Amino acid sequence: MGDGGKITFLNFDNSLTEQIFLQKFPHHWVDCSNIPHTNGFCEQDSLDEIRNRLIKQNVRSFVLIGNGNYHYVTYLLMERIKKPFSLVLFDHHDDMMDQGEGLISCGSWVAYALKNNPLLHKICIIGVNDYQISPKPLEHFEDHVKIKWIPKNIFQQVPLYEIAQDVRIFLDDETNLYISIDKDVLYKKEAFTNWDQGNMSLVQLLYMLENLAQHHKIVGMDICGEYLLDYRNEYHSISWEYVKMNELVNRVIIDFILELETL
């Protein structure tokens, strides 16, 4: 990655502004907090405004999005890639709901990208809920897109090197990767989100990231899944513990990626 100046923090919900030590990394902010109709579901006008701000403020190749309700921003971040690529998504959900035309959400952005990004060739979703592994009706997706689900239970049953090899075989000669991490893929004793979570450890996640970086060119990356403080929980000590847990995970991932010099 070279220099931390390639890190962008998005501010939709102040979930990242509370992570004080995270801000030791050179970064810049893009404020989206005053854009209406963005929480969970995003209307087209709001999506256009987010896109305009990302372009105007020169969003970097490594982006921290904030709460998982805004994970659909990954769709906009992938729009910047001007050559064929594959998406590797670490997520406890496959985010492939079909919301219909004109609406994108944190639960549908992958399906939205399949429909609207012709440069997206393959998708590998790692650590997903077991009940989302069954084949999806893909007749409305482009023929060239291939999808692989790797369920969370595999990480308790199969050696990591075998999982990594399986991913490499699927990606084959696809050189350019975009990596998106929702921390709800992690065991909730390591990170804490507002969604149901998987059972992957941080070490397992780092192992997979390193393996991907060794065999492919990472052209972009984002992280989401922050714990959101509000009037209902901000005075609870446990809430600040959750914020700190997520901050520590973010710092470890950023440090790791910087050491790999991948972006």
Protein backbone atom coordinates (compact mmCIF):
# COMPACT_ATOMS: atom_id res chain seq x y z
CA MET A 1 0.00 0.00 0.00
CA GLY A 2 2.95 2.25 0.52
CA ASP A 3 1.61 5.19 2.51
CA GLY A 4 -1.29 5.60 4.87
CA GLY A 5 -2.48 8.55 2.83
CA LYS A 6 -4.30 5.98 0.74
CA ILE A 7 -6.83 5.44 3.56
CA THR A 8 -10.25 7.08 3.46
CA PHE A 9 -12.64 7.19 6.41
CA LEU A 10 -16.30 7.71 5.50
CA ASN A 11 -18.52 9.36 8.07
CA PHE A 12 -22.15 8.34 7.84
CA ASP A 13 -22.84 7.74 11.51
CA ASN A 14 -19.86 8.85 13.70
CA SER A 15 -19.00 5.21 14.41
CA LEU A 16 -15.42 5.81 13.22
CA THR A 17 -14.94 9.23 14.84
CA GLU A 18 -15.13 7.52 18.24
CA GLN A 19 -12.12 5.32 17.37
CA ILE A 20 -9.46 7.83 18.39
CA PHE A 21 -6.37 5.61 18.16
CA LEU A 22 -7.40 4.44 14.69
CA GLN A 23 -6.75 7.95 13.48
CA LYS A 24 -3.00 7.64 14.02
CA PHE A 25 -2.90 6.33 10.45
CA PRO A 26 -2.58 9.12 7.86
CA HIS A 27 -6.02 9.38 6.33
CA HIS A 28 -8.67 11.74 5.10
CA TRP A 29 -12.40 11.99 5.77
CA VAL A 30 -15.36 12.10 3.42
CA ASP A 31 -18.41 13.34 5.29
CA CYS A 32 -21.71 11.77 4.21
CA SER A 33 -23.59 12.33 7.45
CA ASN A 34 -25.98 14.92 6.00
CA ILE A 35 -27.12 12.81 3.03
CA PRO A 36 -30.72 11.64 3.67
CA HIS A 37 -32.17 8.16 3.11
CA THR A 38 -28.91 6.21 3.43
CA ASN A 39 -29.29 4.02 6.53
CA GLY A 40 -29.68 0.40 5.44
CA PHE A 41 -31.53 1.28 2.23
CA CYS A 42 -30.32 3.96 -0.17
CA GLU A 43 -32.46 5.79 -2.68
CA GLN A 44 -31.04 6.58 -6.11
CA ASP A 45 -30.66 10.33 -5.51
CA SER A 46 -28.75 9.66 -2.29
CA LEU A 47 -26.56 7.05 -4.00
CA ASP A 48 -25.73 9.59 -6.69
CA GLU A 49 -24.76 12.15 -4.05
CA ILE A 50 -22.49 9.66 -2.27
CA ARG A 51 -20.86 8.82 -5.61
CA ASN A 52 -20.28 12.50 -6.34
CA ARG A 53 -18.61 13.08 -2.97
CA LEU A 54 -16.37 10.05 -3.36
CA ILE A 55 -15.22 11.31 -6.76
CA LYS A 56 -14.87 14.96 -5.73
CA GLN A 57 -12.85 14.15 -2.64
CA ASN A 58 -10.67 11.52 -4.31
CA VAL A 59 -11.54 8.48 -2.26
CA ARG A 60 -8.51 6.25 -1.72
CA SER A 61 -7.96 2.57 -2.46
CA PHE A 62 -8.48 1.52 1.20
CA VAL A 63 -11.77 2.69 2.71
CA LEU A 64 -13.35 2.33 6.14
CA ILE A 65 -17.09 2.65 5.61
CA GLY A 66 -18.49 2.59 9.16
CA ASN A 67 -21.53 0.63 10.29
CA GLY A 68 -22.54 -2.40 8.21
CA ASN A 69 -25.83 -0.69 7.28
CA TYR A 70 -23.77 1.25 4.71
CA HIS A 71 -22.03 -1.74 3.17
CA TYR A 72 -23.70 -0.96 -0.15
CA VAL A 73 -21.07 1.78 -0.61
CA THR A 74 -18.78 -1.05 -1.75
CA TYR A 75 -20.78 -1.04 -4.98
CA LEU A 76 -19.68 2.56 -5.60
CA LEU A 77 -16.09 1.81 -4.64
CA MET A 78 -15.96 -1.03 -7.16
CA GLU A 79 -17.24 1.29 -9.90
CA ARG A 80 -13.82 2.95 -9.92
CA ILE A 81 -12.14 -0.23 -11.18
CA LYS A 82 -11.69 0.07 -14.95
CA LYS A 83 -10.45 -3.43 -15.71
CA PRO A 84 -11.88 -6.94 -15.15
CA PHE A 85 -11.79 -8.00 -11.51
CA SER A 86 -13.21 -10.37 -8.93
CA LEU A 87 -14.75 -9.62 -5.55
CA VAL A 88 -13.70 -11.48 -2.41
CA LEU A 89 -16.23 -10.74 0.32
CA PHE A 90 -15.72 -11.70 3.97
CA ASP A 91 -19.25 -11.53 5.35
CA HIS A 92 -21.67 -13.51 7.48
CA HIS A 93 -24.36 -12.65 4.89
CA ASP A 94 -24.12 -12.89 1.12
CA ASP A 95 -25.91 -9.54 0.55
CA MET A 96 -27.65 -10.96 -2.51
CA MET A 97 -31.25 -10.07 -1.82
CA ASP A 98 -33.14 -8.71 -4.82
CA GLN A 99 -34.61 -5.32 -3.86
CA GLY A 100 -36.02 -4.61 -7.32
CA GLU A 101 -35.15 -1.73 -9.58
CA GLY A 102 -33.85 1.59 -8.33
CA LEU A 103 -33.07 0.63 -4.74
CA ILE A 104 -29.88 -0.67 -3.19
CA SER A 105 -29.37 -1.82 0.39
CA CYS A 106 -26.79 -3.35 2.70
CA GLY A 107 -28.45 -6.70 1.98
CA SER A 108 -28.68 -6.41 -1.80
CA TRP A 109 -25.57 -4.62 -3.06
CA VAL A 110 -23.85 -7.79 -4.32
CA ALA A 111 -26.84 -8.67 -6.49
CA TYR A 112 -26.97 -5.03 -7.60
CA ALA A 113 -23.32 -5.19 -8.64
CA LEU A 114 -23.92 -8.43 -10.53
CA LYS A 115 -26.60 -6.70 -12.58
CA ASN A 116 -24.80 -3.41 -13.15
CA ASN A 117 -21.02 -3.94 -13.25
CA PRO A 118 -19.93 -5.77 -16.43
CA LEU A 119 -16.29 -5.88 -15.28
CA LEU A 120 -17.14 -8.06 -12.26
CA HIS A 121 -16.27 -11.64 -13.24
CA LYS A 122 -16.26 -13.74 -10.08
CA ILE A 123 -17.47 -13.42 -6.49
CA CYS A 124 -16.19 -15.48 -3.58
CA ILE A 125 -18.14 -15.00 -0.33
CA ILE A 126 -16.22 -16.32 2.68
CA GLY A 127 -17.62 -17.12 6.13
CA VAL A 128 -21.25 -16.85 5.13
CA ASN A 129 -24.25 -18.22 7.05
CA ASP A 130 -24.87 -21.89 6.33
CA TYR A 131 -28.49 -21.24 5.35
CA GLN A 132 -27.38 -18.89 2.55
CA ILE A 133 -25.27 -21.49 0.77
CA SER A 134 -28.05 -23.00 -1.32
CA PRO A 135 -27.86 -22.00 -5.01
CA LYS A 136 -29.58 -18.70 -5.73
CA PRO A 137 -31.80 -18.04 -8.76
CA LEU A 138 -29.19 -16.40 -10.97
CA GLU A 139 -31.07 -16.31 -14.26
CA HIS A 140 -31.25 -12.50 -14.19
CA PHE A 141 -27.49 -12.15 -13.64
CA GLU A 142 -24.95 -11.90 -16.41
CA ASP A 143 -23.74 -15.24 -17.75
CA HIS A 144 -20.07 -14.44 -17.24
CA VAL A 145 -20.33 -14.12 -13.45
CA LYS A 146 -19.31 -17.09 -11.31
CA ILE A 147 -20.11 -17.23 -7.59
CA LYS A 148 -18.66 -19.33 -4.79
CA TRP A 149 -19.93 -19.50 -1.21
CA ILE A 150 -17.60 -20.72 1.55
CA PRO A 151 -19.70 -21.39 4.67
CA LYS A 152 -18.58 -20.43 8.15
CA ASN A 153 -18.62 -24.01 9.47
CA ILE A 154 -15.77 -24.92 7.10
CA PHE A 155 -13.38 -22.85 9.22
CA GLN A 156 -13.92 -25.20 12.15
CA GLN A 157 -13.52 -28.35 10.06
CA VAL A 158 -10.89 -27.84 7.35
CA PRO A 159 -7.27 -26.65 7.55
CA LEU A 160 -6.80 -23.04 6.48
CA TYR A 161 -4.35 -23.87 3.71
CA GLU A 162 -6.97 -26.10 2.09
CA ILE A 163 -9.57 -23.32 2.20
CA ALA A 164 -7.08 -20.85 0.74
CA GLN A 165 -6.18 -23.30 -2.02
CA ASP A 166 -9.87 -23.82 -2.80
CA VAL A 167 -10.30 -20.05 -3.17
CA ARG A 168 -7.24 -19.81 -5.44
CA ILE A 169 -8.54 -22.60 -7.66
CA PHE A 170 -11.87 -20.81 -7.99
CA LEU A 171 -10.28 -17.45 -8.77
CA ASP A 172 -7.88 -19.20 -11.16
CA ASP A 173 -6.00 -16.62 -13.22
CA GLU A 174 -8.10 -13.64 -12.14
CA THR A 175 -5.39 -11.10 -11.35
CA ASN A 176 -7.30 -8.13 -9.93
CA LEU A 177 -9.18 -8.50 -6.67
CA TYR A 178 -11.37 -6.18 -4.69
CA ILE A 179 -11.65 -7.26 -1.04
CA SER A 180 -14.52 -6.23 1.21
CA ILE A 181 -14.62 -7.14 4.91
CA ASP A 182 -17.71 -6.95 7.10
CA LYS A 183 -16.57 -7.62 10.66
CA ASP A 184 -19.78 -9.57 11.31
CA VAL A 185 -17.84 -12.47 9.76
CA LEU A 186 -15.80 -12.58 12.98
CA TYR A 187 -16.60 -14.30 16.25
CA LYS A 188 -18.33 -11.78 18.54
CA LYS A 189 -15.64 -12.09 21.21
CA GLU A 190 -13.24 -10.42 18.75
CA ALA A 191 -15.49 -7.81 17.13
CA PHE A 192 -19.05 -6.75 17.88
CA THR A 193 -21.58 -5.58 15.29
CA ASN A 194 -25.32 -4.91 15.10
CA TRP A 195 -25.89 -8.05 13.00
CA ASP A 196 -25.74 -11.77 13.76
CA GLN A 197 -22.14 -12.91 13.49
CA GLY A 198 -20.00 -15.76 12.27
CA ASN A 199 -17.22 -17.69 13.99
CA MET A 200 -14.08 -16.74 12.05
CA SER A 201 -11.08 -15.68 14.12
CA LEU A 202 -9.02 -12.61 13.31
CA VAL A 203 -5.98 -14.85 12.73
CA GLN A 204 -7.95 -16.88 10.18
CA LEU A 205 -9.00 -13.68 8.43
CA LEU A 206 -5.41 -12.40 8.31
CA TYR A 207 -4.19 -15.74 6.98
CA MET A 208 -6.69 -15.55 4.11
CA LEU A 209 -5.79 -11.92 3.36
CA GLU A 210 -2.09 -12.72 3.19
CA ASN A 211 -2.69 -15.67 0.91
CA LEU A 212 -4.82 -13.56 -1.44
CA ALA A 213 -2.19 -10.81 -1.52
CA GLN A 214 0.52 -13.33 -2.39
CA HIS A 215 -1.29 -14.61 -5.46
CA HIS A 216 -3.32 -11.67 -6.76
CA LYS A 217 -3.22 -7.91 -7.24
CA ILE A 218 -5.50 -6.18 -4.74
CA VAL A 219 -6.94 -3.12 -6.49
CA GLY A 220 -9.13 -1.93 -3.61
CA MET A 221 -10.33 -2.85 -0.16
CA ASP A 222 -12.87 -1.76 2.43
CA ILE A 223 -13.94 -2.58 5.98
CA CYS A 224 -17.31 -2.10 7.65
CA GLY A 225 -19.18 -3.49 10.67
CA GLU A 226 -18.65 -0.79 13.29
CA TYR A 227 -20.72 -0.77 16.45
CA LEU A 228 -23.03 2.24 16.52
CA LEU A 229 -23.44 4.33 19.64
CA ASP A 230 -26.71 6.18 20.20
CA TYR A 231 -28.81 7.57 23.03
CA ARG A 232 -29.89 4.06 24.04
CA ASN A 233 -26.44 2.63 24.68
CA GLU A 234 -23.81 5.38 24.85
CA TYR A 235 -23.77 5.44 28.65
CA HIS A 236 -23.22 1.69 28.96
CA SER A 237 -19.64 0.62 29.65
CA ILE A 238 -20.08 -2.48 27.53
CA SER A 239 -20.86 -0.31 24.50
CA TRP A 240 -17.48 1.39 24.73
CA GLU A 241 -15.88 -2.04 25.06
CA TYR A 242 -17.48 -2.97 21.74
CA VAL A 243 -16.18 0.22 20.11
CA LYS A 244 -12.68 -0.54 21.37
CA MET A 245 -12.82 -4.16 20.17
CA ASN A 246 -13.72 -3.01 16.68
CA GLU A 247 -11.05 -0.34 16.72
CA LEU A 248 -8.40 -2.89 17.65
CA VAL A 249 -9.48 -5.18 14.82
CA ASN A 250 -9.41 -2.27 12.36
CA ARG A 251 -5.91 -1.27 13.49
CA VAL A 252 -4.60 -4.81 13.15
CA ILE A 253 -6.03 -5.19 9.63
CA ILE A 254 -4.71 -1.80 8.51
CA ASP A 255 -1.25 -2.50 9.93
CA PHE A 256 -1.27 -5.91 8.28
CA ILE A 257 -2.25 -4.54 4.87
CA LEU A 258 0.32 -1.76 5.11
CA GLU A 259 3.03 -4.35 5.82
CA LEU A 260 1.94 -6.41 2.84
CA GLU A 261 2.35 -3.37 0.58
CA THR A 262 -0.54 -4.59 -1.55
CA LEU A 263 -2.48 -1.49 -2.58
